Amino acid sequence: MVSIPRITLNDGTSIPQFGLGVYHVPAEDTAALVRTALDMGYRHVDTAQGYGNEAGVGQGLRDAGLPGWSWPTVETRPPACAPSTSYACSVSHAR
């Protein structure tokens, strides 16, 4: 697995410097792409509800089977999700 540098944000938290963007990725290809990226070491998925493929992002996250302590940074949230629950809520909405 590749080690990806992290960037420290203004509030002191950090995110991976490199991420997988899924804008324009067809919905039917998203889960496999996300799973492959996570298997390769990516831990940052840049997505948005407007891309129409968030279900595939959630499926790819579940399929990767990462332990909770290594959950990736996911930059999206369905309208029903609070900001602090983006990952778990996105995964649950992808069912």
N, C-alpha and C. Protein backbone atom coordinates (compact mmCIF):
# COMPACT_ATOMS: atom_id res chain seq x y z
N MET A 1 0.84 -1.17 0.00
CA MET A 1 0.00 0.00 0.00
C MET A 1 0.89 1.24 0.00
N VAL A 2 0.47 2.26 -0.72
CA VAL A 2 1.19 3.52 -0.84
C VAL A 2 0.89 4.40 0.37
N SER A 3 1.90 5.08 0.88
CA SER A 3 1.69 6.03 1.97
C SER A 3 1.38 7.39 1.36
N ILE A 4 0.23 7.94 1.71
CA ILE A 4 -0.22 9.21 1.15
C ILE A 4 -0.04 10.31 2.19
N PRO A 5 0.68 11.39 1.85
CA PRO A 5 0.88 12.48 2.80
C PRO A 5 -0.45 13.11 3.21
N ARG A 6 -0.46 13.74 4.38
CA ARG A 6 -1.66 14.38 4.90
C ARG A 6 -1.45 15.89 4.97
N ILE A 7 -2.54 16.61 4.87
CA ILE A 7 -2.54 18.08 4.99
C ILE A 7 -3.29 18.44 6.26
N THR A 8 -2.71 19.32 7.06
CA THR A 8 -3.36 19.77 8.29
C THR A 8 -4.27 20.95 7.97
N LEU A 9 -5.52 20.85 8.40
CA LEU A 9 -6.50 21.90 8.18
C LEU A 9 -6.41 22.95 9.28
N ASN A 10 -7.11 24.06 9.11
CA ASN A 10 -7.05 25.16 10.08
C ASN A 10 -7.46 24.75 11.49
N ASP A 11 -8.34 23.75 11.60
CA ASP A 11 -8.79 23.34 12.94
C ASP A 11 -7.89 22.27 13.55
N GLY A 12 -6.79 21.93 12.89
CA GLY A 12 -5.84 20.98 13.43
C GLY A 12 -6.04 19.55 12.97
N THR A 13 -7.19 19.25 12.39
CA THR A 13 -7.39 17.91 11.85
C THR A 13 -6.64 17.79 10.53
N SER A 14 -6.48 16.58 10.06
CA SER A 14 -5.77 16.41 8.80
C SER A 14 -6.56 15.48 7.88
N ILE A 15 -6.32 15.66 6.59
CA ILE A 15 -6.94 14.81 5.57
C ILE A 15 -5.84 14.36 4.61
N PRO A 16 -6.06 13.24 3.93
CA PRO A 16 -5.07 12.81 2.94
C PRO A 16 -4.92 13.85 1.82
N GLN A 17 -3.69 14.07 1.40
CA GLN A 17 -3.41 15.07 0.37
C GLN A 17 -3.97 14.67 -0.98
N PHE A 18 -3.98 13.39 -1.29
CA PHE A 18 -4.49 12.90 -2.56
C PHE A 18 -5.80 12.18 -2.32
N GLY A 19 -6.72 12.37 -3.24
CA GLY A 19 -8.00 11.69 -3.10
C GLY A 19 -8.52 11.23 -4.44
N LEU A 20 -9.51 10.38 -4.35
CA LEU A 20 -10.19 9.90 -5.53
C LEU A 20 -11.41 10.76 -5.78
N GLY A 21 -11.48 11.39 -6.93
CA GLY A 21 -12.66 12.16 -7.31
C GLY A 21 -13.56 11.30 -8.18
N VAL A 22 -14.85 11.30 -7.88
CA VAL A 22 -15.77 10.45 -8.63
C VAL A 22 -16.75 11.25 -9.49
N TYR A 23 -16.46 12.52 -9.73
CA TYR A 23 -17.29 13.33 -10.61
C TYR A 23 -17.23 12.74 -12.01
N HIS A 24 -18.36 12.54 -12.63
CA HIS A 24 -18.51 11.96 -13.98
C HIS A 24 -18.21 10.46 -14.04
N VAL A 25 -18.03 9.80 -12.91
CA VAL A 25 -17.87 8.35 -12.93
C VAL A 25 -19.28 7.75 -13.03
N PRO A 26 -19.53 6.91 -14.01
CA PRO A 26 -20.87 6.32 -14.12
C PRO A 26 -21.25 5.55 -12.86
N ALA A 27 -22.50 5.68 -12.45
CA ALA A 27 -22.98 5.05 -11.22
C ALA A 27 -22.65 3.56 -11.18
N GLU A 28 -22.77 2.89 -12.31
CA GLU A 28 -22.54 1.44 -12.33
C GLU A 28 -21.07 1.06 -12.17
N ASP A 29 -20.16 2.02 -12.30
CA ASP A 29 -18.72 1.76 -12.15
C ASP A 29 -18.15 2.24 -10.83
N THR A 30 -18.93 3.00 -10.08
CA THR A 30 -18.40 3.69 -8.90
C THR A 30 -17.95 2.75 -7.80
N ALA A 31 -18.75 1.75 -7.45
CA ALA A 31 -18.39 0.86 -6.33
C ALA A 31 -17.05 0.17 -6.59
N ALA A 32 -16.86 -0.37 -7.79
CA ALA A 32 -15.61 -1.07 -8.10
C ALA A 32 -14.43 -0.11 -8.07
N LEU A 33 -14.63 1.10 -8.59
CA LEU A 33 -13.55 2.09 -8.60
C LEU A 33 -13.15 2.48 -7.18
N VAL A 34 -14.15 2.76 -6.34
CA VAL A 34 -13.86 3.15 -4.95
C VAL A 34 -13.15 2.00 -4.23
N ARG A 35 -13.65 0.80 -4.39
CA ARG A 35 -13.04 -0.37 -3.73
C ARG A 35 -11.58 -0.51 -4.18
N THR A 36 -11.32 -0.40 -5.46
CA THR A 36 -9.95 -0.53 -5.97
C THR A 36 -9.05 0.56 -5.41
N ALA A 37 -9.55 1.79 -5.39
CA ALA A 37 -8.75 2.90 -4.84
C ALA A 37 -8.43 2.67 -3.37
N LEU A 38 -9.41 2.22 -2.59
CA LEU A 38 -9.17 1.95 -1.17
C LEU A 38 -8.18 0.81 -1.00
N ASP A 39 -8.28 -0.21 -1.83
CA ASP A 39 -7.32 -1.31 -1.78
C ASP A 39 -5.90 -0.84 -2.09
N MET A 40 -5.79 0.20 -2.92
CA MET A 40 -4.48 0.74 -3.31
C MET A 40 -3.92 1.70 -2.25
N GLY A 41 -4.74 2.09 -1.27
CA GLY A 41 -4.25 2.96 -0.21
C GLY A 41 -4.91 4.31 -0.12
N TYR A 42 -5.76 4.65 -1.06
CA TYR A 42 -6.48 5.92 -0.97
C TYR A 42 -7.34 5.92 0.28
N ARG A 43 -7.44 7.08 0.94
CA ARG A 43 -8.28 7.22 2.11
C ARG A 43 -9.08 8.52 2.05
N HIS A 44 -9.27 9.05 0.86
CA HIS A 44 -10.01 10.29 0.66
C HIS A 44 -10.82 10.13 -0.62
N VAL A 45 -12.14 10.19 -0.48
CA VAL A 45 -13.02 10.09 -1.64
C VAL A 45 -13.78 11.41 -1.75
N ASP A 46 -13.57 12.12 -2.83
CA ASP A 46 -14.24 13.40 -3.07
C ASP A 46 -15.48 13.12 -3.91
N THR A 47 -16.65 13.29 -3.30
CA THR A 47 -17.90 13.00 -3.98
C THR A 47 -18.95 14.01 -3.54
N ALA A 48 -20.08 13.98 -4.17
CA ALA A 48 -21.18 14.88 -3.82
C ALA A 48 -22.48 14.25 -4.27
N GLN A 49 -23.54 14.60 -3.59
CA GLN A 49 -24.85 14.06 -3.93
C GLN A 49 -25.20 14.37 -5.39
N GLY A 50 -24.82 15.52 -5.87
CA GLY A 50 -25.14 15.92 -7.23
C GLY A 50 -24.50 15.06 -8.31
N TYR A 51 -23.49 14.26 -7.95
CA TYR A 51 -22.84 13.40 -8.94
C TYR A 51 -23.72 12.20 -9.29
N GLY A 52 -24.67 11.87 -8.42
CA GLY A 52 -25.59 10.77 -8.68
C GLY A 52 -25.00 9.38 -8.53
N ASN A 53 -23.84 9.28 -7.90
CA ASN A 53 -23.21 7.97 -7.73
C ASN A 53 -22.85 7.67 -6.28
N GLU A 54 -23.49 8.38 -5.35
CA GLU A 54 -23.15 8.20 -3.93
C GLU A 54 -23.47 6.80 -3.42
N ALA A 55 -24.46 6.13 -4.00
CA ALA A 55 -24.74 4.75 -3.60
C ALA A 55 -23.53 3.85 -3.90
N GLY A 56 -22.90 4.08 -5.04
CA GLY A 56 -21.71 3.30 -5.40
C GLY A 56 -20.54 3.61 -4.48
N VAL A 57 -20.42 4.86 -4.04
CA VAL A 57 -19.36 5.22 -3.08
C VAL A 57 -19.58 4.42 -1.80
N GLY A 58 -20.80 4.43 -1.29
CA GLY A 58 -21.10 3.69 -0.07
C GLY A 58 -20.85 2.19 -0.23
N GLN A 59 -21.24 1.65 -1.39
CA GLN A 59 -21.03 0.22 -1.64
C GLN A 59 -19.54 -0.10 -1.69
N GLY A 60 -18.77 0.75 -2.34
CA GLY A 60 -17.32 0.54 -2.40
C GLY A 60 -16.68 0.59 -1.03
N LEU A 61 -17.15 1.51 -0.17
CA LEU A 61 -16.64 1.60 1.20
C LEU A 61 -16.95 0.33 1.96
N ARG A 62 -18.18 -0.15 1.85
CA ARG A 62 -18.56 -1.38 2.55
C ARG A 62 -17.77 -2.57 2.01
N ASP A 63 -17.65 -2.67 0.69
CA ASP A 63 -16.95 -3.79 0.08
C ASP A 63 -15.48 -3.84 0.49
N ALA A 64 -14.88 -2.68 0.74
CA ALA A 64 -13.47 -2.63 1.13
C ALA A 64 -13.25 -3.23 2.51
N GLY A 65 -14.29 -3.21 3.35
CA GLY A 65 -14.20 -3.83 4.67
C GLY A 65 -13.15 -3.22 5.57
N LEU A 66 -12.91 -1.93 5.46
CA LEU A 66 -11.92 -1.28 6.31
C LEU A 66 -12.41 -1.24 7.76
N PRO A 67 -11.50 -1.43 8.72
CA PRO A 67 -11.90 -1.29 10.12
C PRO A 67 -12.26 0.16 10.42
N GLY A 68 -13.10 0.38 11.41
CA GLY A 68 -13.59 1.72 11.73
C GLY A 68 -12.51 2.76 11.94
N TRP A 69 -11.38 2.38 12.48
CA TRP A 69 -10.32 3.35 12.75
C TRP A 69 -9.66 3.85 11.48
N SER A 70 -9.88 3.19 10.36
CA SER A 70 -9.25 3.66 9.13
C SER A 70 -10.28 4.14 8.11
N TRP A 71 -11.44 4.53 8.59
CA TRP A 71 -12.46 5.02 7.66
C TRP A 71 -11.89 6.16 6.84
N PRO A 72 -12.20 6.17 5.58
CA PRO A 72 -11.71 7.25 4.72
C PRO A 72 -12.45 8.56 4.97
N THR A 73 -11.87 9.62 4.47
CA THR A 73 -12.54 10.91 4.44
C THR A 73 -13.49 10.88 3.26
N VAL A 74 -14.76 11.12 3.51
CA VAL A 74 -15.75 11.13 2.44
C VAL A 74 -16.40 12.51 2.45
N GLU A 75 -16.28 13.22 1.35
CA GLU A 75 -16.79 14.58 1.28
C GLU A 75 -18.17 14.64 0.66
N THR A 76 -19.11 14.04 1.32
CA THR A 76 -20.49 14.13 0.88
C THR A 76 -21.38 13.79 2.05
N ARG A 77 -22.62 14.15 1.94
CA ARG A 77 -23.59 13.66 2.90
C ARG A 77 -24.97 13.80 2.29
N PRO A 78 -25.75 12.75 2.39
CA PRO A 78 -27.14 12.86 1.95
C PRO A 78 -27.86 13.89 2.81
N PRO A 79 -28.92 14.49 2.32
CA PRO A 79 -29.60 15.54 3.08
C PRO A 79 -30.04 15.11 4.48
N ALA A 80 -30.32 13.83 4.67
CA ALA A 80 -30.77 13.35 5.98
C ALA A 80 -29.64 13.18 6.98
N CYS A 81 -28.38 13.37 6.58
CA CYS A 81 -27.24 13.11 7.44
C CYS A 81 -26.66 14.38 8.03
N ALA A 82 -26.35 14.33 9.32
CA ALA A 82 -25.67 15.44 9.98
C ALA A 82 -24.19 15.42 9.57
N PRO A 83 -23.52 16.57 9.55
CA PRO A 83 -22.12 16.61 9.12
C PRO A 83 -21.22 15.64 9.88
N SER A 84 -21.45 15.43 11.17
CA SER A 84 -20.56 14.57 11.95
C SER A 84 -20.77 13.09 11.66
N THR A 85 -21.79 12.73 10.89
CA THR A 85 -22.07 11.32 10.62
C THR A 85 -21.96 11.00 9.14
N SER A 86 -21.24 11.79 8.38
CA SER A 86 -21.21 11.64 6.92
C SER A 86 -20.85 10.23 6.47
N TYR A 87 -19.78 9.64 6.99
CA TYR A 87 -19.36 8.32 6.52
C TYR A 87 -20.42 7.27 6.83
N ALA A 88 -20.77 7.14 8.09
CA ALA A 88 -21.73 6.10 8.48
C ALA A 88 -23.07 6.32 7.81
N CYS A 89 -23.50 7.54 7.72
CA CYS A 89 -24.79 7.84 7.12
C CYS A 89 -24.75 7.59 5.62
N SER A 90 -23.68 7.95 4.94
CA SER A 90 -23.57 7.70 3.51
C SER A 90 -23.61 6.21 3.22
N VAL A 91 -22.91 5.43 4.05
CA VAL A 91 -22.91 3.99 3.88
C VAL A 91 -24.31 3.44 4.09
N SER A 92 -25.01 3.93 5.12
CA SER A 92 -26.35 3.39 5.38
C SER A 92 -27.33 3.79 4.28
N HIS A 93 -27.17 4.95 3.68
CA HIS A 93 -28.05 5.39 2.59
C HIS A 93 -27.76 4.68 1.27
N ALA A 94 -26.62 4.01 1.19
CA ALA A 94 -26.26 3.31 -0.04
C ALA A 94 -26.87 1.91 -0.10
N ARG A 95 -27.57 1.53 0.94
CA ARG A 95 -28.16 0.17 0.97
C ARG A 95 -29.33 0.07 0.07
